[in-house]
């Protein structure tokens, strides 16, 4: 089962960095500017991260040539995907959910910097049961969905 309380502490620190970046840069600029500023903010706050973490998904235990990149992997267990779009769509959530599932990561954050107030969604992934949990820790979606 997911240790939600520990993950919530990790998320709290990261969300603080997200708000700091949005407060400083404001709404509606390029996604890559937000990512660059976020890397600086995470460094300033001593939050460990890897930017543009690449990985190859597995098929029946064998690595595929296909390559994916997550925007940030923070604290070793939180995937952070950044967007700067008019609104978050199901395809953006699906991208995060697939990264969480493929990397077996217990926590994901989807942030949209574009609006006046940053939109931040938090999700948890129960690897053992292949169940995605919303920030309220209620099942959001299972692999069978």
C-alpha atoms as a PDB file:
ATOM      1  CA  UNK A   1       0.000   0.000   0.000  1.00  0.00           C
ATOM      2  CA  UNK A   2       1.093   3.566  -0.653  1.00  0.00           C
ATOM      3  CA  UNK A   3       2.606   5.489   2.281  1.00  0.00           C
ATOM      4  CA  UNK A   4       0.463   8.538   1.592  1.00  0.00           C
ATOM      5  CA  UNK A   5       1.550  10.493   4.664  1.00  0.00           C
ATOM      6  CA  UNK A   6       5.244  10.448   3.663  1.00  0.00           C
ATOM      7  CA  UNK A   7       4.364  11.281   0.083  1.00  0.00           C
ATOM      8  CA  UNK A   8       2.163  14.180   1.181  1.00  0.00           C
ATOM      9  CA  UNK A   9       5.206  15.681   2.929  1.00  0.00           C
ATOM     10  CA  UNK A  10       7.226  15.348  -0.279  1.00  0.00           C
ATOM     11  CA  UNK A  11       4.386  16.896  -2.276  1.00  0.00           C
ATOM     12  CA  UNK A  12       4.045  19.798   0.169  1.00  0.00           C
ATOM     13  CA  UNK A  13       7.650  20.899  -0.436  1.00  0.00           C
ATOM     14  CA  UNK A  14       7.330  20.567  -4.207  1.00  0.00           C
ATOM     15  CA  UNK A  15       4.016  22.441  -4.335  1.00  0.00           C
ATOM     16  CA  UNK A  16       5.649  25.292  -2.436  1.00  0.00           C
ATOM     17  CA  UNK A  17       8.286  25.509  -5.169  1.00  0.00           C
ATOM     18  CA  UNK A  18       5.576  25.458  -7.873  1.00  0.00           C
ATOM     19  CA  UNK A  19       3.752  28.362  -6.246  1.00  0.00           C
ATOM     20  CA  UNK A  20       6.986  30.336  -5.853  1.00  0.00           C
ATOM     21  CA  UNK A  21       7.722  29.976  -9.571  1.00  0.00           C
ATOM     22  CA  UNK A  22       4.207  30.971 -10.616  1.00  0.00           C
ATOM     23  CA  UNK A  23       4.161  33.912  -8.199  1.00  0.00           C
ATOM     24  CA  UNK A  24       7.417  35.224  -9.670  1.00  0.00           C
ATOM     25  CA  UNK A  25       6.814  34.611 -13.391  1.00  0.00           C
ATOM     26  CA  UNK A  26       3.058  35.055 -13.555  1.00  0.00           C
ATOM     27  CA  UNK A  27       0.668  33.409 -15.983  1.00  0.00           C
ATOM     28  CA  UNK A  28       0.830  32.555 -19.649  1.00  0.00           C
ATOM     29  CA  UNK A  29       4.504  32.234 -20.578  1.00  0.00           C
ATOM     30  CA  UNK A  30       6.356  29.369 -22.211  1.00  0.00           C
ATOM     31  CA  UNK A  31       6.416  25.975 -20.453  1.00  0.00           C
ATOM     32  CA  UNK A  32      10.190  25.730 -20.768  1.00  0.00           C
ATOM     33  CA  UNK A  33      10.668  29.019 -18.913  1.00  0.00           C
ATOM     34  CA  UNK A  34       8.642  27.642 -16.023  1.00  0.00           C
ATOM     35  CA  UNK A  35      10.687  24.433 -16.074  1.00  0.00           C
ATOM     36  CA  UNK A  36      13.969  26.325 -16.013  1.00  0.00           C
ATOM     37  CA  UNK A  37      12.786  28.508 -13.131  1.00  0.00           C
ATOM     38  CA  UNK A  38      11.458  25.447 -11.318  1.00  0.00           C
ATOM     39  CA  UNK A  39      14.856  23.744 -11.558  1.00  0.00           C
ATOM     40  CA  UNK A  40      16.371  26.834  -9.922  1.00  0.00           C
ATOM     41  CA  UNK A  41      13.690  26.915  -7.211  1.00  0.00           C
ATOM     42  CA  UNK A  42      14.037  23.205  -6.413  1.00  0.00           C
ATOM     43  CA  UNK A  43      17.803  23.682  -6.131  1.00  0.00           C
ATOM     44  CA  UNK A  44      17.359  26.724  -3.875  1.00  0.00           C
ATOM     45  CA  UNK A  45      14.990  24.740  -1.624  1.00  0.00           C
ATOM     46  CA  UNK A  46      17.377  21.736  -1.529  1.00  0.00           C
ATOM     47  CA  UNK A  47      14.754  19.459  -3.062  1.00  0.00           C
ATOM     48  CA  UNK A  48      16.550  16.669  -4.929  1.00  0.00           C
ATOM     49  CA  UNK A  49      15.422  16.227  -8.531  1.00  0.00           C
ATOM     50  CA  UNK A  50      16.366  14.938 -11.953  1.00  0.00           C
ATOM     51  CA  UNK A  51      15.204  17.037 -14.881  1.00  0.00           C
ATOM     52  CA  UNK A  52      13.982  15.349 -18.070  1.00  0.00           C
ATOM     53  CA  UNK A  53      14.486  11.876 -16.645  1.00  0.00           C
ATOM     54  CA  UNK A  54      14.409   9.491 -19.604  1.00  0.00           C
ATOM     55  CA  UNK A  55      13.345   5.859 -19.488  1.00  0.00           C
ATOM     56  CA  UNK A  56      12.486   2.951 -21.748  1.00  0.00           C
ATOM     57  CA  UNK A  57       9.270   1.058 -20.958  1.00  0.00           C
ATOM     58  CA  UNK A  58       9.392  -2.698 -20.559  1.00  0.00           C
ATOM     59  CA  UNK A  59       7.450  -5.274 -22.512  1.00  0.00           C
ATOM     60  CA  UNK A  60       7.413  -8.735 -20.928  1.00  0.00           C
ATOM     61  CA  UNK A  61      10.518  -7.775 -18.968  1.00  0.00           C
ATOM     62  CA  UNK A  62      12.426  -6.555 -22.027  1.00  0.00           C
ATOM     63  CA  UNK A  63      13.328  -2.926 -22.609  1.00  0.00           C
ATOM     64  CA  UNK A  64      11.711  -1.250 -25.609  1.00  0.00           C
ATOM     65  CA  UNK A  65      13.633   1.164 -27.839  1.00  0.00           C
ATOM     66  CA  UNK A  66      10.895   3.744 -27.333  1.00  0.00           C
ATOM     67  CA  UNK A  67      11.986   6.482 -24.966  1.00  0.00           C
ATOM     68  CA  UNK A  68       9.935   8.711 -22.702  1.00  0.00           C
ATOM     69  CA  UNK A  69      10.968  11.695 -20.596  1.00  0.00           C
ATOM     70  CA  UNK A  70       9.332  12.933 -17.435  1.00  0.00           C
ATOM     71  CA  UNK A  71       9.777  16.647 -16.814  1.00  0.00           C
ATOM     72  CA  UNK A  72      11.046  16.146 -13.255  1.00  0.00           C
ATOM     73  CA  UNK A  73      11.579  13.239 -10.896  1.00  0.00           C
ATOM     74  CA  UNK A  74      11.674  14.782  -7.411  1.00  0.00           C
ATOM     75  CA  UNK A  75      12.813  13.217  -4.150  1.00  0.00           C
ATOM     76  CA  UNK A  76      13.201   9.897  -5.958  1.00  0.00           C
ATOM     77  CA  UNK A  77       9.487   9.085  -5.868  1.00  0.00           C
ATOM     78  CA  UNK A  78       7.455  12.018  -7.251  1.00  0.00           C
ATOM     79  CA  UNK A  79       6.915  12.526 -10.965  1.00  0.00           C
ATOM     80  CA  UNK A  80       6.228  16.154 -11.843  1.00  0.00           C
ATOM     81  CA  UNK A  81       4.736  17.045 -15.226  1.00  0.00           C
ATOM     82  CA  UNK A  82       4.560  20.709 -16.205  1.00  0.00           C
ATOM     83  CA  UNK A  83       2.133  22.251 -18.671  1.00  0.00           C
ATOM     84  CA  UNK A  84       1.360  25.773 -19.852  1.00  0.00           C
ATOM     85  CA  UNK A  85      -1.981  25.295 -21.603  1.00  0.00           C
ATOM     86  CA  UNK A  86      -5.388  26.974 -21.462  1.00  0.00           C
ATOM     87  CA  UNK A  87      -6.779  23.957 -19.620  1.00  0.00           C
ATOM     88  CA  UNK A  88      -5.632  20.537 -18.497  1.00  0.00           C
ATOM     89  CA  UNK A  89      -7.152  17.781 -20.605  1.00  0.00           C
ATOM     90  CA  UNK A  90      -7.581  14.043 -20.065  1.00  0.00           C
ATOM     91  CA  UNK A  91      -4.597  13.432 -22.356  1.00  0.00           C
ATOM     92  CA  UNK A  92      -2.350  15.373 -19.945  1.00  0.00           C
ATOM     93  CA  UNK A  93      -3.552  13.271 -17.014  1.00  0.00           C
ATOM     94  CA  UNK A  94      -3.139  10.074 -19.038  1.00  0.00           C
ATOM     95  CA  UNK A  95       0.474  11.024 -19.760  1.00  0.00           C
ATOM     96  CA  UNK A  96       1.204  11.428 -16.039  1.00  0.00           C
ATOM     97  CA  UNK A  97      -0.699   8.259 -15.105  1.00  0.00           C
ATOM     98  CA  UNK A  98       1.195   6.200 -17.684  1.00  0.00           C
ATOM     99  CA  UNK A  99       4.539   7.527 -16.460  1.00  0.00           C
ATOM    100  CA  UNK A 100       3.583   6.646 -12.879  1.00  0.00           C
ATOM    101  CA  UNK A 101       2.500   3.155 -13.900  1.00  0.00           C
ATOM    102  CA  UNK A 102       5.458   2.434 -16.184  1.00  0.00           C
ATOM    103  CA  UNK A 103       8.014   3.687 -13.655  1.00  0.00           C
ATOM    104  CA  UNK A 104       6.098   2.256 -10.691  1.00  0.00           C
ATOM    105  CA  UNK A 105       6.239   5.644  -8.984  1.00  0.00           C
ATOM    106  CA  UNK A 106       3.860   6.187  -6.068  1.00  0.00           C
ATOM    107  CA  UNK A 107       3.218   9.889  -6.589  1.00  0.00           C
ATOM    108  CA  UNK A 108       2.588  12.293  -9.451  1.00  0.00           C
ATOM    109  CA  UNK A 109       1.925  16.010  -9.737  1.00  0.00           C
ATOM    110  CA  UNK A 110       0.446  17.692 -12.790  1.00  0.00           C
ATOM    111  CA  UNK A 111       0.842  21.465 -12.836  1.00  0.00           C
ATOM    112  CA  UNK A 112      -0.570  23.965 -15.301  1.00  0.00           C
ATOM    113  CA  UNK A 113       1.242  27.289 -15.071  1.00  0.00           C
ATOM    114  CA  UNK A 114      -0.808  29.020 -17.795  1.00  0.00           C
ATOM    115  CA  UNK A 115      -3.849  30.245 -15.842  1.00  0.00           C
ATOM    116  CA  UNK A 116      -3.848  33.229 -13.512  1.00  0.00           C
ATOM    117  CA  UNK A 117      -3.645  30.819 -10.577  1.00  0.00           C
ATOM    118  CA  UNK A 118      -1.529  27.711 -11.097  1.00  0.00           C
ATOM    119  CA  UNK A 119      -3.573  24.518 -11.305  1.00  0.00           C
ATOM    120  CA  UNK A 120      -1.933  21.696  -9.346  1.00  0.00           C
ATOM    121  CA  UNK A 121      -3.266  18.141  -9.297  1.00  0.00           C
ATOM    122  CA  UNK A 122      -1.828  15.434  -7.042  1.00  0.00           C
ATOM    123  CA  UNK A 123      -2.162  11.685  -7.531  1.00  0.00           C
ATOM    124  CA  UNK A 124      -0.931   8.568  -5.784  1.00  0.00           C
ATOM    125  CA  UNK A 125      -0.350   5.171  -7.369  1.00  0.00           C
ATOM    126  CA  UNK A 126      -0.743   1.899  -5.492  1.00  0.00           C
ATOM    127  CA  UNK A 127       1.739  -0.244  -7.428  1.00  0.00           C
ATOM    128  CA  UNK A 128       0.677  -3.532  -5.815  1.00  0.00           C
ATOM    129  CA  UNK A 129      -2.970  -3.142  -6.811  1.00  0.00           C
ATOM    130  CA  UNK A 130      -2.500  -1.014  -9.970  1.00  0.00           C
ATOM    131  CA  UNK A 131      -4.873   1.599  -8.584  1.00  0.00           C
ATOM    132  CA  UNK A 132      -4.551   5.325  -9.071  1.00  0.00           C
ATOM    133  CA  UNK A 133      -5.658   7.396  -6.101  1.00  0.00           C
ATOM    134  CA  UNK A 134      -6.698  11.031  -6.124  1.00  0.00           C
ATOM    135  CA  UNK A 135      -5.347  13.522  -3.606  1.00  0.00           C
ATOM    136  CA  UNK A 136      -8.247  12.505  -1.345  1.00  0.00           C
ATOM    137  CA  UNK A 137      -6.746   8.960  -1.401  1.00  0.00           C
ATOM    138  CA  UNK A 138      -9.923   7.574  -2.975  1.00  0.00           C
ATOM    139  CA  UNK A 139      -9.556   5.369  -6.060  1.00  0.00           C
ATOM    140  CA  UNK A 140      -9.385   7.527  -9.148  1.00  0.00           C
ATOM    141  CA  UNK A 141      -8.817   4.807 -11.716  1.00  0.00           C
ATOM    142  CA  UNK A 142      -7.625   1.229 -11.821  1.00  0.00           C
ATOM    143  CA  UNK A 143      -5.654  -0.374 -14.620  1.00  0.00           C
ATOM    144  CA  UNK A 144      -8.815  -2.212 -15.601  1.00  0.00           C
ATOM    145  CA  UNK A 145     -10.621   1.128 -16.175  1.00  0.00           C
END
